[in-house]
C-alpha atoms as a PDB file:
ATOM      1  CA  UNK A   1     -40.771   3.469   4.697  1.00  0.00           C
ATOM      2  CA  UNK A   2     -40.826   2.462   1.019  1.00  0.00           C
ATOM      3  CA  UNK A   3     -44.465   1.342   1.345  1.00  0.00           C
ATOM      4  CA  UNK A   4     -45.444   4.707   2.858  1.00  0.00           C
ATOM      5  CA  UNK A   5     -43.692   6.704   0.136  1.00  0.00           C
ATOM      6  CA  UNK A   6     -45.287   4.633  -2.636  1.00  0.00           C
ATOM      7  CA  UNK A   7     -48.782   4.385  -1.172  1.00  0.00           C
ATOM      8  CA  UNK A   8     -49.210   7.734   0.612  1.00  0.00           C
ATOM      9  CA  UNK A   9     -50.908   9.380  -2.409  1.00  0.00           C
ATOM     10  CA  UNK A  10     -53.717   6.808  -2.067  1.00  0.00           C
ATOM     11  CA  UNK A  11     -54.063   7.741   1.604  1.00  0.00           C
ATOM     12  CA  UNK A  12     -54.385  11.435   0.697  1.00  0.00           C
ATOM     13  CA  UNK A  13     -57.055  10.603  -1.903  1.00  0.00           C
ATOM     14  CA  UNK A  14     -58.914   8.408   0.609  1.00  0.00           C
ATOM     15  CA  UNK A  15     -58.977  11.195   3.205  1.00  0.00           C
ATOM     16  CA  UNK A  16     -60.188  13.760   0.654  1.00  0.00           C
ATOM     17  CA  UNK A  17     -63.051  11.461  -0.360  1.00  0.00           C
ATOM     18  CA  UNK A  18     -64.028  10.838   3.257  1.00  0.00           C
ATOM     19  CA  UNK A  19     -64.151  14.465   4.411  1.00  0.00           C
ATOM     20  CA  UNK A  20     -66.115  15.829   1.450  1.00  0.00           C
ATOM     21  CA  UNK A  21     -69.831  16.167   2.093  1.00  0.00           C
ATOM     22  CA  UNK A  22     -71.485  17.815  -0.892  1.00  0.00           C
ATOM     23  CA  UNK A  23     -71.285  16.113  -4.296  1.00  0.00           C
ATOM     24  CA  UNK A  24     -72.439  19.346  -6.006  1.00  0.00           C
ATOM     25  CA  UNK A  25     -69.271  21.155  -4.895  1.00  0.00           C
ATOM     26  CA  UNK A  26     -67.213  21.739  -8.088  1.00  0.00           C
ATOM     27  CA  UNK A  27     -64.068  20.874  -6.119  1.00  0.00           C
ATOM     28  CA  UNK A  28     -65.415  17.518  -4.900  1.00  0.00           C
ATOM     29  CA  UNK A  29     -64.046  14.236  -6.229  1.00  0.00           C
ATOM     30  CA  UNK A  30     -66.672  12.067  -7.902  1.00  0.00           C
ATOM     31  CA  UNK A  31     -64.292   9.312  -8.962  1.00  0.00           C
ATOM     32  CA  UNK A  32     -60.716   8.184  -8.466  1.00  0.00           C
ATOM     33  CA  UNK A  33     -59.792   9.918 -11.741  1.00  0.00           C
ATOM     34  CA  UNK A  34     -61.097  13.241 -10.368  1.00  0.00           C
ATOM     35  CA  UNK A  35     -58.549  13.025  -7.574  1.00  0.00           C
ATOM     36  CA  UNK A  36     -55.894  14.014 -10.113  1.00  0.00           C
ATOM     37  CA  UNK A  37     -57.215  17.530  -9.490  1.00  0.00           C
ATOM     38  CA  UNK A  38     -54.820  17.401  -6.539  1.00  0.00           C
ATOM     39  CA  UNK A  39     -51.949  17.402  -9.038  1.00  0.00           C
ATOM     40  CA  UNK A  40     -53.501  20.211 -11.104  1.00  0.00           C
ATOM     41  CA  UNK A  41     -54.312  22.463  -8.139  1.00  0.00           C
ATOM     42  CA  UNK A  42     -51.604  21.596  -5.610  1.00  0.00           C
ATOM     43  CA  UNK A  43     -48.784  20.059  -7.623  1.00  0.00           C
ATOM     44  CA  UNK A  44     -47.102  16.678  -7.252  1.00  0.00           C
ATOM     45  CA  UNK A  45     -46.257  17.289  -3.599  1.00  0.00           C
ATOM     46  CA  UNK A  46     -49.981  17.648  -2.895  1.00  0.00           C
ATOM     47  CA  UNK A  47     -50.085  13.839  -2.932  1.00  0.00           C
ATOM     48  CA  UNK A  48     -47.518  13.777  -0.119  1.00  0.00           C
ATOM     49  CA  UNK A  49     -49.230  16.093   2.337  1.00  0.00           C
ATOM     50  CA  UNK A  50     -49.104  14.741   5.869  1.00  0.00           C
ATOM     51  CA  UNK A  51     -46.454  12.135   5.056  1.00  0.00           C
ATOM     52  CA  UNK A  52     -44.154  12.896   8.001  1.00  0.00           C
ATOM     53  CA  UNK A  53     -46.527  11.709  10.793  1.00  0.00           C
ATOM     54  CA  UNK A  54     -46.922   8.197   9.288  1.00  0.00           C
ATOM     55  CA  UNK A  55     -43.169   7.972   8.694  1.00  0.00           C
ATOM     56  CA  UNK A  56     -42.517   8.856  12.345  1.00  0.00           C
ATOM     57  CA  UNK A  57     -45.253   6.528  13.602  1.00  0.00           C
ATOM     58  CA  UNK A  58     -44.558   3.544  11.335  1.00  0.00           C
ATOM     59  CA  UNK A  59     -41.872   1.756  13.362  1.00  0.00           C
ATOM     60  CA  UNK A  60     -43.576   2.030  16.792  1.00  0.00           C
ATOM     61  CA  UNK A  61     -46.962   1.313  15.185  1.00  0.00           C
ATOM     62  CA  UNK A  62     -45.874  -1.964  13.560  1.00  0.00           C
ATOM     63  CA  UNK A  63     -43.865  -2.974  16.622  1.00  0.00           C
ATOM     64  CA  UNK A  64     -46.896  -2.457  18.863  1.00  0.00           C
ATOM     65  CA  UNK A  65     -49.219  -4.249  16.405  1.00  0.00           C
ATOM     66  CA  UNK A  66     -47.239  -7.478  16.195  1.00  0.00           C
ATOM     67  CA  UNK A  67     -45.683  -7.504  19.666  1.00  0.00           C
ATOM     68  CA  UNK A  68     -49.021  -7.016  21.443  1.00  0.00           C
ATOM     69  CA  UNK A  69     -50.709  -9.544  19.128  1.00  0.00           C
ATOM     70  CA  UNK A  70     -48.235 -12.198  20.272  1.00  0.00           C
ATOM     71  CA  UNK A  71     -48.593 -11.161  23.929  1.00  0.00           C
ATOM     72  CA  UNK A  72     -52.397 -11.232  23.819  1.00  0.00           C
ATOM     73  CA  UNK A  73     -52.209 -14.668  22.163  1.00  0.00           C
ATOM     74  CA  UNK A  74     -50.045 -15.960  25.015  1.00  0.00           C
ATOM     75  CA  UNK A  75     -52.366 -14.404  27.589  1.00  0.00           C
ATOM     76  CA  UNK A  76     -55.434 -15.961  25.953  1.00  0.00           C
ATOM     77  CA  UNK A  77     -53.657 -19.322  26.050  1.00  0.00           C
ATOM     78  CA  UNK A  78     -54.604 -19.500  29.737  1.00  0.00           C
ATOM     79  CA  UNK A  79     -58.289 -19.429  28.745  1.00  0.00           C
ATOM     80  CA  UNK A  80     -60.009 -22.325  26.996  1.00  0.00           C
ATOM     81  CA  UNK A  81     -60.900 -20.598  23.730  1.00  0.00           C
ATOM     82  CA  UNK A  82     -60.981 -21.962  20.208  1.00  0.00           C
ATOM     83  CA  UNK A  83     -57.998 -20.979  18.014  1.00  0.00           C
ATOM     84  CA  UNK A  84     -60.332 -18.936  15.789  1.00  0.00           C
ATOM     85  CA  UNK A  85     -61.561 -16.860  18.722  1.00  0.00           C
ATOM     86  CA  UNK A  86     -58.056 -16.535  20.159  1.00  0.00           C
ATOM     87  CA  UNK A  87     -56.679 -15.026  16.935  1.00  0.00           C
ATOM     88  CA  UNK A  88     -59.630 -12.630  16.603  1.00  0.00           C
ATOM     89  CA  UNK A  89     -59.531 -11.411  20.223  1.00  0.00           C
ATOM     90  CA  UNK A  90     -55.738 -11.066  20.174  1.00  0.00           C
ATOM     91  CA  UNK A  91     -56.091  -9.036  16.969  1.00  0.00           C
ATOM     92  CA  UNK A  92     -58.732  -6.821  18.572  1.00  0.00           C
ATOM     93  CA  UNK A  93     -56.489  -6.201  21.572  1.00  0.00           C
ATOM     94  CA  UNK A  94     -53.488  -5.368  19.395  1.00  0.00           C
ATOM     95  CA  UNK A  95     -55.580  -2.941  17.336  1.00  0.00           C
ATOM     96  CA  UNK A  96     -56.889  -1.104  20.392  1.00  0.00           C
ATOM     97  CA  UNK A  97     -53.355  -0.782  21.776  1.00  0.00           C
ATOM     98  CA  UNK A  98     -51.995   0.350  18.414  1.00  0.00           C
ATOM     99  CA  UNK A  99     -54.719   3.013  18.116  1.00  0.00           C
ATOM    100  CA  UNK A 100     -53.643   4.729  21.333  1.00  0.00           C
ATOM    101  CA  UNK A 101     -50.093   5.034  19.975  1.00  0.00           C
ATOM    102  CA  UNK A 102     -50.969   6.337  16.492  1.00  0.00           C
ATOM    103  CA  UNK A 103     -53.944   8.633  17.159  1.00  0.00           C
ATOM    104  CA  UNK A 104     -51.996  11.889  17.747  1.00  0.00           C
ATOM    105  CA  UNK A 105     -50.066  11.263  14.519  1.00  0.00           C
ATOM    106  CA  UNK A 106     -53.355  10.632  12.693  1.00  0.00           C
ATOM    107  CA  UNK A 107     -54.838  13.935  13.904  1.00  0.00           C
ATOM    108  CA  UNK A 108     -51.896  15.862  12.461  1.00  0.00           C
ATOM    109  CA  UNK A 109     -51.834  13.798   9.258  1.00  0.00           C
ATOM    110  CA  UNK A 110     -55.542  14.220   8.471  1.00  0.00           C
ATOM    111  CA  UNK A 111     -55.416  17.963   9.141  1.00  0.00           C
ATOM    112  CA  UNK A 112     -52.503  18.393   6.730  1.00  0.00           C
ATOM    113  CA  UNK A 113     -54.092  16.151   4.080  1.00  0.00           C
ATOM    114  CA  UNK A 114     -57.333  18.147   4.218  1.00  0.00           C
ATOM    115  CA  UNK A 115     -55.490  21.420   3.547  1.00  0.00           C
ATOM    116  CA  UNK A 116     -55.937  22.381  -0.125  1.00  0.00           C
ATOM    117  CA  UNK A 117     -53.216  25.012  -0.223  1.00  0.00           C
ATOM    118  CA  UNK A 118     -50.057  24.154  -2.105  1.00  0.00           C
ATOM    119  CA  UNK A 119     -47.441  22.134  -0.244  1.00  0.00           C
ATOM    120  CA  UNK A 120     -45.272  25.245   0.201  1.00  0.00           C
ATOM    121  CA  UNK A 121     -48.168  27.312   1.610  1.00  0.00           C
ATOM    122  CA  UNK A 122     -49.407  24.884   4.254  1.00  0.00           C
ATOM    123  CA  UNK A 123     -47.898  24.803   7.776  1.00  0.00           C
ATOM    124  CA  UNK A 124     -45.122  22.370   8.622  1.00  0.00           C
ATOM    125  CA  UNK A 125     -45.931  19.159  10.484  1.00  0.00           C
ATOM    126  CA  UNK A 126     -44.373  20.407  13.728  1.00  0.00           C
ATOM    127  CA  UNK A 127     -45.966  23.835  13.305  1.00  0.00           C
ATOM    128  CA  UNK A 128     -49.418  22.322  12.763  1.00  0.00           C
ATOM    129  CA  UNK A 129     -49.034  20.017  15.780  1.00  0.00           C
ATOM    130  CA  UNK A 130     -48.056  22.993  17.941  1.00  0.00           C
ATOM    131  CA  UNK A 131     -51.043  24.920  16.613  1.00  0.00           C
ATOM    132  CA  UNK A 132     -53.416  22.106  17.662  1.00  0.00           C
ATOM    133  CA  UNK A 133     -51.861  21.841  21.134  1.00  0.00           C
ATOM    134  CA  UNK A 134     -51.965  25.618  21.636  1.00  0.00           C
ATOM    135  CA  UNK A 135     -55.623  25.988  20.582  1.00  0.00           C
ATOM    136  CA  UNK A 136     -57.160  22.696  21.724  1.00  0.00           C
ATOM    137  CA  UNK A 137     -54.650  20.982  24.017  1.00  0.00           C
ATOM    138  CA  UNK A 138     -53.600  17.341  24.239  1.00  0.00           C
ATOM    139  CA  UNK A 139     -57.011  15.881  25.108  1.00  0.00           C
ATOM    140  CA  UNK A 140     -59.982  14.485  23.195  1.00  0.00           C
ATOM    141  CA  UNK A 141     -60.717  17.875  21.623  1.00  0.00           C
ATOM    142  CA  UNK A 142     -57.089  18.418  20.622  1.00  0.00           C
ATOM    143  CA  UNK A 143     -54.221  16.124  19.706  1.00  0.00           C
ATOM    144  CA  UNK A 144     -56.253  13.050  20.701  1.00  0.00           C
ATOM    145  CA  UNK A 145     -59.560  13.907  19.073  1.00  0.00           C
ATOM    146  CA  UNK A 146     -61.208  11.056  17.234  1.00  0.00           C
ATOM    147  CA  UNK A 147     -59.680   8.495  19.595  1.00  0.00           C
ATOM    148  CA  UNK A 148     -62.888   6.437  19.814  1.00  0.00           C
ATOM    149  CA  UNK A 149     -63.072   6.211  16.014  1.00  0.00           C
ATOM    150  CA  UNK A 150     -59.377   5.301  15.796  1.00  0.00           C
ATOM    151  CA  UNK A 151     -59.909   2.586  18.422  1.00  0.00           C
ATOM    152  CA  UNK A 152     -62.773   1.221  16.326  1.00  0.00           C
ATOM    153  CA  UNK A 153     -60.833   1.448  13.077  1.00  0.00           C
ATOM    154  CA  UNK A 154     -57.715  -0.342  14.312  1.00  0.00           C
ATOM    155  CA  UNK A 155     -59.523  -2.737  16.641  1.00  0.00           C
ATOM    156  CA  UNK A 156     -61.926  -3.999  13.965  1.00  0.00           C
ATOM    157  CA  UNK A 157     -59.241  -4.078  11.258  1.00  0.00           C
ATOM    158  CA  UNK A 158     -56.774  -6.140  13.296  1.00  0.00           C
ATOM    159  CA  UNK A 159     -59.506  -8.442  14.601  1.00  0.00           C
ATOM    160  CA  UNK A 160     -60.576  -9.348  11.048  1.00  0.00           C
ATOM    161  CA  UNK A 161     -57.049  -9.138   9.585  1.00  0.00           C
ATOM    162  CA  UNK A 162     -55.338 -11.512  12.021  1.00  0.00           C
ATOM    163  CA  UNK A 163     -58.428 -13.636  12.649  1.00  0.00           C
ATOM    164  CA  UNK A 164     -59.098 -14.289   8.961  1.00  0.00           C
ATOM    165  CA  UNK A 165     -55.440 -14.772   7.987  1.00  0.00           C
ATOM    166  CA  UNK A 166     -54.434 -17.329  10.606  1.00  0.00           C
ATOM    167  CA  UNK A 167     -57.698 -19.260  10.544  1.00  0.00           C
ATOM    168  CA  UNK A 168     -57.841 -19.559   6.753  1.00  0.00           C
ATOM    169  CA  UNK A 169     -54.101 -20.265   6.528  1.00  0.00           C
ATOM    170  CA  UNK A 170     -54.517 -23.184   8.924  1.00  0.00           C
ATOM    171  CA  UNK A 171     -57.352 -24.603   6.780  1.00  0.00           C
ATOM    172  CA  UNK A 172     -55.403 -24.609   3.508  1.00  0.00           C
ATOM    173  CA  UNK A 173     -52.624 -27.234   3.313  1.00  0.00           C
ATOM    174  CA  UNK A 174     -49.009 -26.065   3.255  1.00  0.00           C
ATOM    175  CA  UNK A 175     -47.387 -26.338  -0.183  1.00  0.00           C
ATOM    176  CA  UNK A 176     -43.949 -27.937  -0.436  1.00  0.00           C
ATOM    177  CA  UNK A 177     -42.983 -25.713  -3.357  1.00  0.00           C
ATOM    178  CA  UNK A 178     -41.608 -22.480  -1.766  1.00  0.00           C
ATOM    179  CA  UNK A 179     -42.969 -20.281  -4.572  1.00  0.00           C
ATOM    180  CA  UNK A 180     -46.467 -21.772  -4.332  1.00  0.00           C
ATOM    181  CA  UNK A 181     -46.294 -21.526  -0.539  1.00  0.00           C
ATOM    182  CA  UNK A 182     -45.367 -17.852  -0.842  1.00  0.00           C
ATOM    183  CA  UNK A 183     -48.303 -17.292  -3.214  1.00  0.00           C
ATOM    184  CA  UNK A 184     -50.640 -19.153  -0.831  1.00  0.00           C
ATOM    185  CA  UNK A 185     -49.689 -16.861   2.042  1.00  0.00           C
ATOM    186  CA  UNK A 186     -49.749 -13.751  -0.151  1.00  0.00           C
ATOM    187  CA  UNK A 187     -53.240 -14.567  -1.447  1.00  0.00           C
ATOM    188  CA  UNK A 188     -54.618 -15.128   2.048  1.00  0.00           C
ATOM    189  CA  UNK A 189     -52.916 -11.935   3.258  1.00  0.00           C
ATOM    190  CA  UNK A 190     -54.371  -9.975   0.332  1.00  0.00           C
ATOM    191  CA  UNK A 191     -57.866 -11.227   1.146  1.00  0.00           C
ATOM    192  CA  UNK A 192     -57.342 -10.473   4.842  1.00  0.00           C
ATOM    193  CA  UNK A 193     -56.360  -6.861   4.188  1.00  0.00           C
ATOM    194  CA  UNK A 194     -59.191  -6.359   1.686  1.00  0.00           C
ATOM    195  CA  UNK A 195     -61.955  -7.837   3.863  1.00  0.00           C
ATOM    196  CA  UNK A 196     -60.713  -5.987   6.952  1.00  0.00           C
ATOM    197  CA  UNK A 197     -60.737  -2.712   4.969  1.00  0.00           C
ATOM    198  CA  UNK A 198     -64.325  -3.231   3.805  1.00  0.00           C
ATOM    199  CA  UNK A 199     -65.546  -3.988   7.326  1.00  0.00           C
ATOM    200  CA  UNK A 200     -63.737  -1.188   9.153  1.00  0.00           C
ATOM    201  CA  UNK A 201     -64.169   1.692   6.704  1.00  0.00           C
ATOM    202  CA  UNK A 202     -67.200   3.280   8.459  1.00  0.00           C
ATOM    203  CA  UNK A 203     -64.902   3.840  11.463  1.00  0.00           C
ATOM    204  CA  UNK A 204     -62.321   5.335   9.095  1.00  0.00           C
ATOM    205  CA  UNK A 205     -64.876   7.767   7.646  1.00  0.00           C
ATOM    206  CA  UNK A 206     -65.966   8.779  11.156  1.00  0.00           C
ATOM    207  CA  UNK A 207     -62.322   9.306  12.141  1.00  0.00           C
ATOM    208  CA  UNK A 208     -61.647  11.535   9.127  1.00  0.00           C
ATOM    209  CA  UNK A 209     -64.775  13.619   9.791  1.00  0.00           C
ATOM    210  CA  UNK A 210     -63.872  14.117  13.468  1.00  0.00           C
ATOM    211  CA  UNK A 211     -60.188  14.856  12.871  1.00  0.00           C
ATOM    212  CA  UNK A 212     -60.655  16.864   9.668  1.00  0.00           C
ATOM    213  CA  UNK A 213     -62.092  20.370   9.232  1.00  0.00           C
ATOM    214  CA  UNK A 214     -65.639  20.834  10.553  1.00  0.00           C
ATOM    215  CA  UNK A 215     -68.357  22.031   8.108  1.00  0.00           C
ATOM    216  CA  UNK A 216     -68.813  25.304  10.024  1.00  0.00           C
ATOM    217  CA  UNK A 217     -65.571  26.775  11.415  1.00  0.00           C
ATOM    218  CA  UNK A 218     -65.740  27.155  15.175  1.00  0.00           C
ATOM    219  CA  UNK A 219     -68.597  24.646  15.558  1.00  0.00           C
ATOM    220  CA  UNK A 220     -67.959  20.970  16.296  1.00  0.00           C
ATOM    221  CA  UNK A 221     -70.439  18.867  14.335  1.00  0.00           C
ATOM    222  CA  UNK A 222     -68.575  15.562  14.380  1.00  0.00           C
ATOM    223  CA  UNK A 223     -67.564  14.715  17.931  1.00  0.00           C
ATOM    224  CA  UNK A 224     -67.943  10.990  18.766  1.00  0.00           C
ATOM    225  CA  UNK A 225     -67.573   7.877  16.633  1.00  0.00           C
ATOM    226  CA  UNK A 226     -71.049   6.349  16.512  1.00  0.00           C
ATOM    227  CA  UNK A 227     -72.850   9.695  16.548  1.00  0.00           C
ATOM    228  CA  UNK A 228     -70.750  10.762  13.563  1.00  0.00           C
ATOM    229  CA  UNK A 229     -71.627   7.544  11.730  1.00  0.00           C
ATOM    230  CA  UNK A 230     -75.327   8.147  12.437  1.00  0.00           C
ATOM    231  CA  UNK A 231     -75.108  11.757  11.216  1.00  0.00           C
ATOM    232  CA  UNK A 232     -73.321  10.768   8.001  1.00  0.00           C
ATOM    233  CA  UNK A 233     -75.888   8.002   7.367  1.00  0.00           C
ATOM    234  CA  UNK A 234     -78.883  10.288   8.007  1.00  0.00           C
ATOM    235  CA  UNK A 235     -77.608  13.191   5.906  1.00  0.00           C
ATOM    236  CA  UNK A 236     -75.741  11.442   3.092  1.00  0.00           C
ATOM    237  CA  UNK A 237     -76.930   7.830   3.006  1.00  0.00           C
ATOM    238  CA  UNK A 238     -75.327   4.467   3.716  1.00  0.00           C
ATOM    239  CA  UNK A 239     -72.817   4.690   0.844  1.00  0.00           C
ATOM    240  CA  UNK A 240     -71.249   7.779   2.429  1.00  0.00           C
ATOM    241  CA  UNK A 241     -69.900   5.490   5.160  1.00  0.00           C
ATOM    242  CA  UNK A 242     -67.882   3.729   2.444  1.00  0.00           C
ATOM    243  CA  UNK A 243     -66.264   6.793   0.903  1.00  0.00           C
ATOM    244  CA  UNK A 244     -62.638   6.238   0.002  1.00  0.00           C
ATOM    245  CA  UNK A 245     -63.020   2.453  -0.042  1.00  0.00           C
ATOM    246  CA  UNK A 246     -61.278   1.887  -3.391  1.00  0.00           C
ATOM    247  CA  UNK A 247     -58.026   3.744  -2.584  1.00  0.00           C
ATOM    248  CA  UNK A 248     -58.080   2.152   0.876  1.00  0.00           C
ATOM    249  CA  UNK A 249     -58.290  -1.366  -0.617  1.00  0.00           C
ATOM    250  CA  UNK A 250     -55.656  -0.517  -3.232  1.00  0.00           C
ATOM    251  CA  UNK A 251     -53.293   0.346  -0.401  1.00  0.00           C
ATOM    252  CA  UNK A 252     -54.178  -2.051   2.421  1.00  0.00           C
ATOM    253  CA  UNK A 253     -54.991  -5.132   0.327  1.00  0.00           C
ATOM    254  CA  UNK A 254     -51.490  -5.739  -1.065  1.00  0.00           C
ATOM    255  CA  UNK A 255     -49.907  -3.765   1.790  1.00  0.00           C
ATOM    256  CA  UNK A 256     -51.528  -6.044   4.343  1.00  0.00           C
ATOM    257  CA  UNK A 257     -50.278  -9.123   2.494  1.00  0.00           C
ATOM    258  CA  UNK A 258     -46.697  -7.843   2.338  1.00  0.00           C
ATOM    259  CA  UNK A 259     -46.742  -6.837   6.010  1.00  0.00           C
ATOM    260  CA  UNK A 260     -47.855 -10.288   7.185  1.00  0.00           C
ATOM    261  CA  UNK A 261     -45.374 -12.079   4.939  1.00  0.00           C
ATOM    262  CA  UNK A 262     -42.463  -9.951   6.148  1.00  0.00           C
ATOM    263  CA  UNK A 263     -43.539 -10.550   9.742  1.00  0.00           C
ATOM    264  CA  UNK A 264     -43.941 -14.322   9.289  1.00  0.00           C
ATOM    265  CA  UNK A 265     -40.651 -14.889   7.466  1.00  0.00           C
ATOM    266  CA  UNK A 266     -38.750 -12.630   9.882  1.00  0.00           C
ATOM    267  CA  UNK A 267     -40.337 -14.347  12.882  1.00  0.00           C
ATOM    268  CA  UNK A 268     -39.429 -17.792  11.484  1.00  0.00           C
ATOM    269  CA  UNK A 269     -35.856 -16.702  10.770  1.00  0.00           C
ATOM    270  CA  UNK A 270     -35.418 -15.320  14.295  1.00  0.00           C
ATOM    271  CA  UNK A 271     -36.748 -18.552  15.810  1.00  0.00           C
ATOM    272  CA  UNK A 272     -34.353 -20.646  13.713  1.00  0.00           C
ATOM    273  CA  UNK A 273     -31.350 -18.462  14.501  1.00  0.00           C
END
């Protein structure tokens, strides 16, 4: 909860970068500094648009991520795979499962973050969710739109995140000094979150385009994950698939390290007690 409250402004900035198409638009953000226009135009609470869906989803999301990772690891233990492949495949499985749980929350969150009205003027979280269900339903055009991109985003992230962390951690000797051991794990976790963010961001951009406002109201331009990636690449170039990378890394690099450390130390404590 604390992590969400502290880091949510970076998530809003990331989404705004990813959904903007035209750099000549005077309201577009050309750098991270430009994103402070959110404060000027929408006030401080503009940085907290769409915060309720992640707060509601956080506990089940993390529970699903780590619980299914452990279950997939046990399941893969019956197959003769290398440890490196086991961690990566278990991570992929946990990400795909996690995506199914969080996608409806993501649809609501992205829609609220894309809204440039002031915080007081935009619809409530529940009101916006009801609006989506009423107009578009629960399916892949409504509250579950962008599911393929969310599957890709979470699947690829967790595959790299868990795969890199546990494989690299096993290569580097354990340090007897508890502080140095903590720093060893934190450093590997930081790298894991950063590398996973760089690799999965094209899926994140596709997800934001599909779940956010379409360029022409009433017409669906961004519909499926890979077609959206291809369209963005053809119209805006390869770098457009990496929009919002800096705020994403600023959040998920250290955030990913903290999450793994909390999980590992909690897991060890539960086993000992």
